[in-house]
């Protein structure tokens, strides 16, 4: 694999939660993840010390951030500050999102 260039097809997926495939690329302080969600997948409410920005590329999900719920669809973005409780329920269609993280999530490497 090249030091500077990556292809999505060459990144091995992880499955942190059933029905969710995560492929990651990262530097010392920043991470980008490509997330694929099976229809109806659930991301339980949780929080982490990472800042997270999510961009929905396909499909959609009902996302809750600190008690505020919104349906996010293709082209929508969500900003989640560090240590804020959030979770989501994927709609009944295959969904793809890209997440930016800082600092890097060790569990997604």
PDB file of N, CA and C in Angstrom:
ATOM      1  N   UNK A   1       0.853  -1.178   0.000  1.00  0.00           N
ATOM      2  CA  UNK A   1       0.000   0.000   0.000  1.00  0.00           C
ATOM      3  C   UNK A   1       0.899   1.241   0.000  1.00  0.00           C
ATOM      4  N   UNK A   2       0.531   2.212  -0.761  1.00  0.00           N
ATOM      5  CA  UNK A   2       1.284   3.451  -0.868  1.00  0.00           C
ATOM      6  C   UNK A   2       1.194   4.259   0.423  1.00  0.00           C
ATOM      7  N   UNK A   3       2.238   4.966   0.734  1.00  0.00           N
ATOM      8  CA  UNK A   3       2.299   5.768   1.961  1.00  0.00           C
ATOM      9  C   UNK A   3       1.304   6.926   1.973  1.00  0.00           C
ATOM     10  N   UNK A   4       1.037   7.508   0.808  1.00  0.00           N
ATOM     11  CA  UNK A   4       0.193   8.711   0.740  1.00  0.00           C
ATOM     12  C   UNK A   4      -1.184   8.498   0.116  1.00  0.00           C
ATOM     13  N   UNK A   5      -1.324   7.455  -0.671  1.00  0.00           N
ATOM     14  CA  UNK A   5      -2.575   7.251  -1.401  1.00  0.00           C
ATOM     15  C   UNK A   5      -3.205   5.924  -1.007  1.00  0.00           C
ATOM     16  N   UNK A   6      -4.516   5.948  -0.838  1.00  0.00           N
ATOM     17  CA  UNK A   6      -5.255   4.749  -0.445  1.00  0.00           C
ATOM     18  C   UNK A   6      -6.443   4.545  -1.381  1.00  0.00           C
ATOM     19  N   UNK A   7      -6.854   3.306  -1.502  1.00  0.00           N
ATOM     20  CA  UNK A   7      -8.070   2.968  -2.227  1.00  0.00           C
ATOM     21  C   UNK A   7      -9.006   2.282  -1.239  1.00  0.00           C
ATOM     22  N   UNK A   8     -10.258   2.638  -1.278  1.00  0.00           N
ATOM     23  CA  UNK A   8     -11.243   2.053  -0.369  1.00  0.00           C
ATOM     24  C   UNK A   8     -11.235   0.529  -0.451  1.00  0.00           C
ATOM     25  N   UNK A   9     -11.097  -0.007  -1.652  1.00  0.00           N
ATOM     26  CA  UNK A   9     -11.128  -1.460  -1.838  1.00  0.00           C
ATOM     27  C   UNK A   9      -9.947  -2.167  -1.173  1.00  0.00           C
ATOM     28  N   UNK A  10      -8.868  -1.436  -0.881  1.00  0.00           N
ATOM     29  CA  UNK A  10      -7.694  -2.032  -0.252  1.00  0.00           C
ATOM     30  C   UNK A  10      -7.721  -1.961   1.278  1.00  0.00           C
ATOM     31  N   UNK A  11      -8.690  -1.234   1.839  1.00  0.00           N
ATOM     32  CA  UNK A  11      -8.770  -1.089   3.296  1.00  0.00           C
ATOM     33  C   UNK A  11      -9.623  -2.211   3.883  1.00  0.00           C
ATOM     34  N   UNK A  12      -9.059  -2.942   4.831  1.00  0.00           N
ATOM     35  CA  UNK A  12      -9.772  -4.047   5.459  1.00  0.00           C
ATOM     36  C   UNK A  12     -10.838  -3.502   6.410  1.00  0.00           C
ATOM     37  N   UNK A  13     -12.098  -3.949   6.263  1.00  0.00           N
ATOM     38  CA  UNK A  13     -13.151  -3.439   7.142  1.00  0.00           C
ATOM     39  C   UNK A  13     -13.115  -4.050   8.545  1.00  0.00           C
ATOM     40  N   UNK A  14     -13.545  -3.265   9.517  1.00  0.00           N
ATOM     41  CA  UNK A  14     -13.791  -3.741  10.878  1.00  0.00           C
ATOM     42  C   UNK A  14     -15.302  -3.679  11.094  1.00  0.00           C
ATOM     43  N   UNK A  15     -15.815  -4.465  12.043  1.00  0.00           N
ATOM     44  CA  UNK A  15     -17.246  -4.462  12.344  1.00  0.00           C
ATOM     45  C   UNK A  15     -17.419  -4.188  13.841  1.00  0.00           C
ATOM     46  N   UNK A  16     -17.397  -2.896  14.234  1.00  0.00           N
ATOM     47  CA  UNK A  16     -17.501  -2.555  15.655  1.00  0.00           C
ATOM     48  C   UNK A  16     -18.863  -2.882  16.252  1.00  0.00           C
ATOM     49  N   UNK A  17     -19.897  -2.846  15.414  1.00  0.00           N
ATOM     50  CA  UNK A  17     -21.263  -3.175  15.807  1.00  0.00           C
ATOM     51  C   UNK A  17     -21.846  -3.998  14.666  1.00  0.00           C
ATOM     52  N   UNK A  18     -22.650  -5.003  14.978  1.00  0.00           N
ATOM     53  CA  UNK A  18     -23.234  -5.857  13.946  1.00  0.00           C
ATOM     54  C   UNK A  18     -23.920  -5.021  12.868  1.00  0.00           C
ATOM     55  N   UNK A  19     -23.584  -5.310  11.607  1.00  0.00           N
ATOM     56  CA  UNK A  19     -24.207  -4.624  10.481  1.00  0.00           C
ATOM     57  C   UNK A  19     -23.518  -3.337  10.066  1.00  0.00           C
ATOM     58  N   UNK A  20     -22.369  -3.040  10.678  1.00  0.00           N
ATOM     59  CA  UNK A  20     -21.649  -1.803  10.348  1.00  0.00           C
ATOM     60  C   UNK A  20     -20.209  -2.140   9.980  1.00  0.00           C
ATOM     61  N   UNK A  21     -19.794  -1.750   8.770  1.00  0.00           N
ATOM     62  CA  UNK A  21     -18.424  -1.969   8.304  1.00  0.00           C
ATOM     63  C   UNK A  21     -17.695  -0.628   8.285  1.00  0.00           C
ATOM     64  N   UNK A  22     -16.504  -0.604   8.891  1.00  0.00           N
ATOM     65  CA  UNK A  22     -15.713   0.620   9.010  1.00  0.00           C
ATOM     66  C   UNK A  22     -14.363   0.412   8.334  1.00  0.00           C
ATOM     67  N   UNK A  23     -14.022   1.314   7.421  1.00  0.00           N
ATOM     68  CA  UNK A  23     -12.699   1.322   6.794  1.00  0.00           C
ATOM     69  C   UNK A  23     -12.052   2.664   7.120  1.00  0.00           C
ATOM     70  N   UNK A  24     -10.798   2.626   7.579  1.00  0.00           N
ATOM     71  CA  UNK A  24     -10.173   3.840   8.111  1.00  0.00           C
ATOM     72  C   UNK A  24      -8.852   4.163   7.443  1.00  0.00           C
ATOM     73  N   UNK A  25      -8.593   5.456   7.375  1.00  0.00           N
ATOM     74  CA  UNK A  25      -7.287   5.980   7.004  1.00  0.00           C
ATOM     75  C   UNK A  25      -6.981   7.073   8.018  1.00  0.00           C
ATOM     76  N   UNK A  26      -5.716   7.178   8.420  1.00  0.00           N
ATOM     77  CA  UNK A  26      -5.413   8.116   9.494  1.00  0.00           C
ATOM     78  C   UNK A  26      -3.968   8.592   9.430  1.00  0.00           C
ATOM     79  N   UNK A  27      -3.767   9.724  10.073  1.00  0.00           N
ATOM     80  CA  UNK A  27      -2.443  10.299  10.294  1.00  0.00           C
ATOM     81  C   UNK A  27      -2.228  10.331  11.803  1.00  0.00           C
ATOM     82  N   UNK A  28      -1.318  11.134  12.265  1.00  0.00           N
ATOM     83  CA  UNK A  28      -1.044  11.189  13.695  1.00  0.00           C
ATOM     84  C   UNK A  28      -2.214  11.755  14.496  1.00  0.00           C
ATOM     85  N   UNK A  29      -2.901  12.788  13.977  1.00  0.00           N
ATOM     86  CA  UNK A  29      -3.931  13.497  14.741  1.00  0.00           C
ATOM     87  C   UNK A  29      -5.322  13.470  14.128  1.00  0.00           C
ATOM     88  N   UNK A  30      -5.462  12.922  12.929  1.00  0.00           N
ATOM     89  CA  UNK A  30      -6.737  12.985  12.217  1.00  0.00           C
ATOM     90  C   UNK A  30      -7.056  11.630  11.602  1.00  0.00           C
ATOM     91  N   UNK A  31      -8.342  11.277  11.614  1.00  0.00           N
ATOM     92  CA  UNK A  31      -8.791  10.021  11.027  1.00  0.00           C
ATOM     93  C   UNK A  31     -10.035  10.272  10.183  1.00  0.00           C
ATOM     94  N   UNK A  32     -10.141   9.526   9.096  1.00  0.00           N
ATOM     95  CA  UNK A  32     -11.330   9.535   8.253  1.00  0.00           C
ATOM     96  C   UNK A  32     -11.800   8.096   8.133  1.00  0.00           C
ATOM     97  N   UNK A  33     -13.094   7.866   8.377  1.00  0.00           N
ATOM     98  CA  UNK A  33     -13.640   6.519   8.250  1.00  0.00           C
ATOM     99  C   UNK A  33     -14.774   6.504   7.232  1.00  0.00           C
ATOM    100  N   UNK A  34     -14.792   5.443   6.441  1.00  0.00           N
ATOM    101  CA  UNK A  34     -15.880   5.172   5.509  1.00  0.00           C
ATOM    102  C   UNK A  34     -16.735   4.125   6.196  1.00  0.00           C
ATOM    103  N   UNK A  35     -18.001   4.453   6.435  1.00  0.00           N
ATOM    104  CA  UNK A  35     -18.892   3.587   7.208  1.00  0.00           C
ATOM    105  C   UNK A  35     -20.027   3.088   6.302  1.00  0.00           C
ATOM    106  N   UNK A  36     -20.242   1.778   6.315  1.00  0.00           N
ATOM    107  CA  UNK A  36     -21.357   1.176   5.582  1.00  0.00           C
ATOM    108  C   UNK A  36     -22.286   0.532   6.599  1.00  0.00           C
ATOM    109  N   UNK A  37     -23.567   0.857   6.496  1.00  0.00           N
ATOM    110  CA  UNK A  37     -24.570   0.411   7.459  1.00  0.00           C
ATOM    111  C   UNK A  37     -25.629  -0.439   6.770  1.00  0.00           C
ATOM    112  N   UNK A  38     -25.852  -1.632   7.290  1.00  0.00           N
ATOM    113  CA  UNK A  38     -26.946  -2.462   6.797  1.00  0.00           C
ATOM    114  C   UNK A  38     -28.266  -1.817   7.217  1.00  0.00           C
ATOM    115  N   UNK A  39     -29.334  -2.010   6.424  1.00  0.00           N
ATOM    116  CA  UNK A  39     -30.634  -1.444   6.787  1.00  0.00           C
ATOM    117  C   UNK A  39     -31.047  -1.849   8.202  1.00  0.00           C
ATOM    118  N   UNK A  40     -31.556  -0.887   8.957  1.00  0.00           N
ATOM    119  CA  UNK A  40     -32.043  -1.145  10.302  1.00  0.00           C
ATOM    120  C   UNK A  40     -30.976  -1.254  11.378  1.00  0.00           C
ATOM    121  N   UNK A  41     -29.711  -1.067  11.010  1.00  0.00           N
ATOM    122  CA  UNK A  41     -28.630  -1.132  12.007  1.00  0.00           C
ATOM    123  C   UNK A  41     -28.842  -0.077  13.087  1.00  0.00           C
ATOM    124  N   UNK A  42     -28.347  -0.399  14.277  1.00  0.00           N
ATOM    125  CA  UNK A  42     -28.490   0.515  15.417  1.00  0.00           C
ATOM    126  C   UNK A  42     -27.110   0.810  15.990  1.00  0.00           C
ATOM    127  N   UNK A  43     -26.824   2.084  16.193  1.00  0.00           N
ATOM    128  CA  UNK A  43     -25.638   2.518  16.909  1.00  0.00           C
ATOM    129  C   UNK A  43     -26.142   2.964  18.275  1.00  0.00           C
ATOM    130  N   UNK A  44     -25.919   2.151  19.304  1.00  0.00           N
ATOM    131  CA  UNK A  44     -26.435   2.505  20.631  1.00  0.00           C
ATOM    132  C   UNK A  44     -25.885   3.852  21.099  1.00  0.00           C
ATOM    133  N   UNK A  45     -26.651   4.530  21.959  1.00  0.00           N
ATOM    134  CA  UNK A  45     -26.165   5.793  22.495  1.00  0.00           C
ATOM    135  C   UNK A  45     -24.850   5.572  23.229  1.00  0.00           C
ATOM    136  N   UNK A  46     -23.920   6.486  23.000  1.00  0.00           N
ATOM    137  CA  UNK A  46     -22.589   6.384  23.575  1.00  0.00           C
ATOM    138  C   UNK A  46     -21.926   7.758  23.538  1.00  0.00           C
ATOM    139  N   UNK A  47     -20.757   7.859  24.109  1.00  0.00           N
ATOM    140  CA  UNK A  47     -19.952   9.069  23.984  1.00  0.00           C
ATOM    141  C   UNK A  47     -18.491   8.654  23.970  1.00  0.00           C
ATOM    142  N   UNK A  48     -17.646   9.530  23.463  1.00  0.00           N
ATOM    143  CA  UNK A  48     -16.212   9.251  23.367  1.00  0.00           C
ATOM    144  C   UNK A  48     -15.457  10.572  23.400  1.00  0.00           C
ATOM    145  N   UNK A  49     -14.157  10.524  23.664  1.00  0.00           N
ATOM    146  CA  UNK A  49     -13.377  11.759  23.774  1.00  0.00           C
ATOM    147  C   UNK A  49     -13.004  12.385  22.432  1.00  0.00           C
ATOM    148  N   UNK A  50     -13.498  11.803  21.343  1.00  0.00           N
ATOM    149  CA  UNK A  50     -13.162  12.289  20.004  1.00  0.00           C
ATOM    150  C   UNK A  50     -14.210  13.265  19.489  1.00  0.00           C
ATOM    151  N   UNK A  51     -13.774  14.290  18.783  1.00  0.00           N
ATOM    152  CA  UNK A  51     -14.703  15.101  18.002  1.00  0.00           C
ATOM    153  C   UNK A  51     -15.048  14.297  16.755  1.00  0.00           C
ATOM    154  N   UNK A  52     -16.293  14.423  16.296  1.00  0.00           N
ATOM    155  CA  UNK A  52     -16.757  13.628  15.156  1.00  0.00           C
ATOM    156  C   UNK A  52     -17.593  14.514  14.242  1.00  0.00           C
ATOM    157  N   UNK A  53     -17.299  14.456  12.950  1.00  0.00           N
ATOM    158  CA  UNK A  53     -18.143  15.116  11.948  1.00  0.00           C
ATOM    159  C   UNK A  53     -18.544  14.043  10.946  1.00  0.00           C
ATOM    160  N   UNK A  54     -19.849  13.894  10.738  1.00  0.00           N
ATOM    161  CA  UNK A  54     -20.387  12.855   9.860  1.00  0.00           C
ATOM    162  C   UNK A  54     -21.033  13.488   8.635  1.00  0.00           C
ATOM    163  N   UNK A  55     -20.742  12.920   7.461  1.00  0.00           N
ATOM    164  CA  UNK A  55     -21.368  13.312   6.195  1.00  0.00           C
ATOM    165  C   UNK A  55     -22.063  12.083   5.629  1.00  0.00           C
ATOM    166  N   UNK A  56     -23.368  12.180   5.403  1.00  0.00           N
ATOM    167  CA  UNK A  56     -24.141  11.073   4.834  1.00  0.00           C
ATOM    168  C   UNK A  56     -23.966  11.103   3.309  1.00  0.00           C
ATOM    169  N   UNK A  57     -23.482   9.983   2.756  1.00  0.00           N
ATOM    170  CA  UNK A  57     -23.265   9.887   1.304  1.00  0.00           C
ATOM    171  C   UNK A  57     -24.409   9.186   0.586  1.00  0.00           C
ATOM    172  N   UNK A  58     -25.025   8.209   1.252  1.00  0.00           N
ATOM    173  CA  UNK A  58     -26.160   7.462   0.688  1.00  0.00           C
ATOM    174  C   UNK A  58     -27.093   7.080   1.827  1.00  0.00           C
ATOM    175  N   UNK A  59     -28.376   6.972   1.516  1.00  0.00           N
ATOM    176  CA  UNK A  59     -29.337   6.511   2.509  1.00  0.00           C
ATOM    177  C   UNK A  59     -29.620   7.537   3.575  1.00  0.00           C
ATOM    178  N   UNK A  60     -29.834   7.061   4.803  1.00  0.00           N
ATOM    179  CA  UNK A  60     -30.140   7.987   5.886  1.00  0.00           C
ATOM    180  C   UNK A  60     -30.321   7.268   7.206  1.00  0.00           C
ATOM    181  N   UNK A  61     -30.400   8.063   8.261  1.00  0.00           N
ATOM    182  CA  UNK A  61     -30.583   7.523   9.604  1.00  0.00           C
ATOM    183  C   UNK A  61     -31.244   8.549  10.493  1.00  0.00           C
ATOM    184  N   UNK A  62     -31.881   8.057  11.533  1.00  0.00           N
ATOM    185  CA  UNK A  62     -32.398   8.918  12.588  1.00  0.00           C
ATOM    186  C   UNK A  62     -31.290   9.013  13.623  1.00  0.00           C
ATOM    187  N   UNK A  63     -30.767  10.202  13.815  1.00  0.00           N
ATOM    188  CA  UNK A  63     -29.639  10.388  14.710  1.00  0.00           C
ATOM    189  C   UNK A  63     -30.060  11.259  15.880  1.00  0.00           C
ATOM    190  N   UNK A  64     -29.570  10.907  17.060  1.00  0.00           N
ATOM    191  CA  UNK A  64     -29.834  11.677  18.269  1.00  0.00           C
ATOM    192  C   UNK A  64     -28.504  12.168  18.821  1.00  0.00           C
ATOM    193  N   UNK A  65     -28.413  13.476  19.070  1.00  0.00           N
ATOM    194  CA  UNK A  65     -27.223  14.071  19.666  1.00  0.00           C
ATOM    195  C   UNK A  65     -27.673  14.868  20.874  1.00  0.00           C
ATOM    196  N   UNK A  66     -27.212  14.460  22.027  1.00  0.00           N
ATOM    197  CA  UNK A  66     -27.541  15.109  23.301  1.00  0.00           C
ATOM    198  C   UNK A  66     -29.052  15.348  23.441  1.00  0.00           C
ATOM    199  N   UNK A  67     -29.829  14.303  23.106  1.00  0.00           N
ATOM    200  CA  UNK A  67     -31.273  14.353  23.251  1.00  0.00           C
ATOM    201  C   UNK A  67     -32.023  14.977  22.084  1.00  0.00           C
ATOM    202  N   UNK A  68     -31.319  15.596  21.145  1.00  0.00           N
ATOM    203  CA  UNK A  68     -31.960  16.208  19.971  1.00  0.00           C
ATOM    204  C   UNK A  68     -31.941  15.208  18.821  1.00  0.00           C
ATOM    205  N   UNK A  69     -33.144  14.856  18.308  1.00  0.00           N
ATOM    206  CA  UNK A  69     -33.260  13.838  17.268  1.00  0.00           C
ATOM    207  C   UNK A  69     -33.554  14.489  15.924  1.00  0.00           C
ATOM    208  N   UNK A  70     -32.879  13.970  14.865  1.00  0.00           N
ATOM    209  CA  UNK A  70     -33.101  14.489  13.522  1.00  0.00           C
ATOM    210  C   UNK A  70     -32.852  13.371  12.520  1.00  0.00           C
ATOM    211  N   UNK A  71     -33.649  13.338  11.455  1.00  0.00           N
ATOM    212  CA  UNK A  71     -33.403  12.436  10.350  1.00  0.00           C
ATOM    213  C   UNK A  71     -32.377  13.091   9.440  1.00  0.00           C
ATOM    214  N   UNK A  72     -31.269  12.396   9.191  1.00  0.00           N
ATOM    215  CA  UNK A  72     -30.226  12.924   8.316  1.00  0.00           C
ATOM    216  C   UNK A  72     -30.169  12.067   7.061  1.00  0.00           C
ATOM    217  N   UNK A  73     -30.091  12.730   5.917  1.00  0.00           N
ATOM    218  CA  UNK A  73     -30.130  12.079   4.616  1.00  0.00           C
ATOM    219  C   UNK A  73     -28.920  12.484   3.787  1.00  0.00           C
ATOM    220  N   UNK A  74     -28.805  11.914   2.597  1.00  0.00           N
ATOM    221  CA  UNK A  74     -27.691  12.194   1.695  1.00  0.00           C
ATOM    222  C   UNK A  74     -27.410  13.698   1.636  1.00  0.00           C
ATOM    223  N   UNK A  75     -26.148  14.058   1.895  1.00  0.00           N
ATOM    224  CA  UNK A  75     -25.735  15.458   1.856  1.00  0.00           C
ATOM    225  C   UNK A  75     -25.795  16.165   3.197  1.00  0.00           C
ATOM    226  N   UNK A  76     -26.434  15.553   4.189  1.00  0.00           N
ATOM    227  CA  UNK A  76     -26.508  16.166   5.526  1.00  0.00           C
ATOM    228  C   UNK A  76     -25.241  15.866   6.319  1.00  0.00           C
ATOM    229  N   UNK A  77     -24.895  16.794   7.218  1.00  0.00           N
ATOM    230  CA  UNK A  77     -23.735  16.636   8.081  1.00  0.00           C
ATOM    231  C   UNK A  77     -24.145  16.806   9.534  1.00  0.00           C
ATOM    232  N   UNK A  78     -23.429  16.120  10.415  1.00  0.00           N
ATOM    233  CA  UNK A  78     -23.689  16.182  11.848  1.00  0.00           C
ATOM    234  C   UNK A  78     -22.353  16.417  12.551  1.00  0.00           C
ATOM    235  N   UNK A  79     -22.312  17.389  13.446  1.00  0.00           N
ATOM    236  CA  UNK A  79     -21.114  17.672  14.242  1.00  0.00           C
ATOM    237  C   UNK A  79     -21.369  17.215  15.670  1.00  0.00           C
ATOM    238  N   UNK A  80     -20.499  16.346  16.176  1.00  0.00           N
ATOM    239  CA  UNK A  80     -20.646  15.816  17.534  1.00  0.00           C
ATOM    240  C   UNK A  80     -19.380  16.195  18.322  1.00  0.00           C
ATOM    241  N   UNK A  81     -19.513  17.116  19.278  1.00  0.00           N
ATOM    242  CA  UNK A  81     -18.355  17.466  20.107  1.00  0.00           C
ATOM    243  C   UNK A  81     -17.910  16.286  20.971  1.00  0.00           C
ATOM    244  N   UNK A  82     -16.711  16.362  21.480  1.00  0.00           N
ATOM    245  CA  UNK A  82     -16.179  15.323  22.360  1.00  0.00           C
ATOM    246  C   UNK A  82     -17.075  15.155  23.587  1.00  0.00           C
ATOM    247  N   UNK A  83     -17.244  13.918  24.023  1.00  0.00           N
ATOM    248  CA  UNK A  83     -17.965  13.555  25.249  1.00  0.00           C
ATOM    249  C   UNK A  83     -19.450  13.913  25.257  1.00  0.00           C
ATOM    250  N   UNK A  84     -20.057  14.032  24.084  1.00  0.00           N
ATOM    251  CA  UNK A  84     -21.495  14.292  23.973  1.00  0.00           C
ATOM    252  C   UNK A  84     -22.188  12.981  23.608  1.00  0.00           C
ATOM    253  N   UNK A  85     -23.252  12.639  24.314  1.00  0.00           N
ATOM    254  CA  UNK A  85     -23.987  11.396  24.075  1.00  0.00           C
ATOM    255  C   UNK A  85     -24.719  11.480  22.734  1.00  0.00           C
ATOM    256  N   UNK A  86     -24.578  10.411  21.930  1.00  0.00           N
ATOM    257  CA  UNK A  86     -25.227  10.350  20.630  1.00  0.00           C
ATOM    258  C   UNK A  86     -25.426   8.894  20.214  1.00  0.00           C
ATOM    259  N   UNK A  87     -26.323   8.674  19.262  1.00  0.00           N
ATOM    260  CA  UNK A  87     -26.611   7.354  18.742  1.00  0.00           C
ATOM    261  C   UNK A  87     -27.450   7.485  17.487  1.00  0.00           C
ATOM    262  N   UNK A  88     -27.737   6.370  16.821  1.00  0.00           N
ATOM    263  CA  UNK A  88     -28.491   6.441  15.562  1.00  0.00           C
ATOM    264  C   UNK A  88     -29.193   5.122  15.266  1.00  0.00           C
ATOM    265  N   UNK A  89     -30.232   5.232  14.465  1.00  0.00           N
ATOM    266  CA  UNK A  89     -30.926   4.066  13.904  1.00  0.00           C
ATOM    267  C   UNK A  89     -30.976   4.287  12.395  1.00  0.00           C
ATOM    268  N   UNK A  90     -30.377   3.350  11.664  1.00  0.00           N
ATOM    269  CA  UNK A  90     -30.318   3.440  10.205  1.00  0.00           C
ATOM    270  C   UNK A  90     -31.693   3.122   9.626  1.00  0.00           C
ATOM    271  N   UNK A  91     -32.058   3.858   8.588  1.00  0.00           N
ATOM    272  CA  UNK A  91     -33.347   3.630   7.935  1.00  0.00           C
ATOM    273  C   UNK A  91     -33.326   2.267   7.239  1.00  0.00           C
ATOM    274  N   UNK A  92     -34.407   1.909   6.600  1.00  0.00           N
ATOM    275  CA  UNK A  92     -34.540   0.598   5.958  1.00  0.00           C
ATOM    276  C   UNK A  92     -33.912   0.575   4.573  1.00  0.00           C
ATOM    277  N   UNK A  93     -32.726   1.157   4.463  1.00  0.00           N
ATOM    278  CA  UNK A  93     -31.978   1.117   3.214  1.00  0.00           C
ATOM    279  C   UNK A  93     -30.490   1.155   3.534  1.00  0.00           C
ATOM    280  N   UNK A  94     -29.700   0.563   2.662  1.00  0.00           N
ATOM    281  CA  UNK A  94     -28.252   0.581   2.827  1.00  0.00           C
ATOM    282  C   UNK A  94     -27.797   2.036   2.922  1.00  0.00           C
ATOM    283  N   UNK A  95     -26.945   2.333   3.890  1.00  0.00           N
ATOM    284  CA  UNK A  95     -26.519   3.711   4.142  1.00  0.00           C
ATOM    285  C   UNK A  95     -25.003   3.772   4.210  1.00  0.00           C
ATOM    286  N   UNK A  96     -24.443   4.852   3.665  1.00  0.00           N
ATOM    287  CA  UNK A  96     -23.003   5.076   3.668  1.00  0.00           C
ATOM    288  C   UNK A  96     -22.735   6.465   4.228  1.00  0.00           C
ATOM    289  N   UNK A  97     -21.754   6.564   5.109  1.00  0.00           N
ATOM    290  CA  UNK A  97     -21.351   7.853   5.675  1.00  0.00           C
ATOM    291  C   UNK A  97     -19.834   7.908   5.767  1.00  0.00           C
ATOM    292  N   UNK A  98     -19.318   9.119   5.835  1.00  0.00           N
ATOM    293  CA  UNK A  98     -17.900   9.341   6.098  1.00  0.00           C
ATOM    294  C   UNK A  98     -17.817  10.132   7.391  1.00  0.00           C
ATOM    295  N   UNK A  99     -16.952   9.664   8.307  1.00  0.00           N
ATOM    296  CA  UNK A  99     -16.739  10.358   9.576  1.00  0.00           C
ATOM    297  C   UNK A  99     -15.311  10.874   9.641  1.00  0.00           C
ATOM    298  N   UNK A 100     -15.162  12.099  10.105  1.00  0.00           N
ATOM    299  CA  UNK A 100     -13.855  12.668  10.413  1.00  0.00           C
ATOM    300  C   UNK A 100     -13.706  12.651  11.931  1.00  0.00           C
ATOM    301  N   UNK A 101     -12.503  12.307  12.420  1.00  0.00           N
ATOM    302  CA  UNK A 101     -12.262  12.151  13.854  1.00  0.00           C
ATOM    303  C   UNK A 101     -10.996  12.884  14.276  1.00  0.00           C
ATOM    304  N   UNK A 102     -11.056  13.445  15.452  1.00  0.00           N
ATOM    305  CA  UNK A 102      -9.859  13.986  16.079  1.00  0.00           C
ATOM    306  C   UNK A 102     -10.058  13.921  17.581  1.00  0.00           C
ATOM    307  N   UNK A 103      -9.112  13.337  18.306  1.00  0.00           N
ATOM    308  CA  UNK A 103      -7.933  12.628  17.806  1.00  0.00           C
ATOM    309  C   UNK A 103      -8.317  11.301  17.166  1.00  0.00           C
ATOM    310  N   UNK A 104      -7.325  10.571  16.686  1.00  0.00           N
ATOM    311  CA  UNK A 104      -7.522   9.295  16.026  1.00  0.00           C
ATOM    312  C   UNK A 104      -8.150   8.292  17.003  1.00  0.00           C
ATOM    313  N   UNK A 105      -9.084   7.501  16.504  1.00  0.00           N
ATOM    314  CA  UNK A 105      -9.699   6.425  17.298  1.00  0.00           C
ATOM    315  C   UNK A 105      -8.848   5.172  17.174  1.00  0.00           C
ATOM    316  N   UNK A 106      -8.228   4.784  18.234  1.00  0.00           N
ATOM    317  CA  UNK A 106      -7.377   3.591  18.225  1.00  0.00           C
ATOM    318  C   UNK A 106      -8.178   2.340  17.872  1.00  0.00           C
ATOM    319  N   UNK A 107      -9.455   2.285  18.297  1.00  0.00           N
ATOM    320  CA  UNK A 107     -10.266   1.092  18.035  1.00  0.00           C
ATOM    321  C   UNK A 107     -10.676   0.945  16.579  1.00  0.00           C
ATOM    322  N   UNK A 108     -10.507   1.985  15.766  1.00  0.00           N
ATOM    323  CA  UNK A 108     -10.847   1.905  14.339  1.00  0.00           C
ATOM    324  C   UNK A 108      -9.624   1.725  13.453  1.00  0.00           C
ATOM    325  N   UNK A 109      -8.429   1.662  14.028  1.00  0.00           N
ATOM    326  CA  UNK A 109      -7.221   1.470  13.209  1.00  0.00           C
ATOM    327  C   UNK A 109      -7.207   0.077  12.615  1.00  0.00           C
TER     328      UNK A 109
END
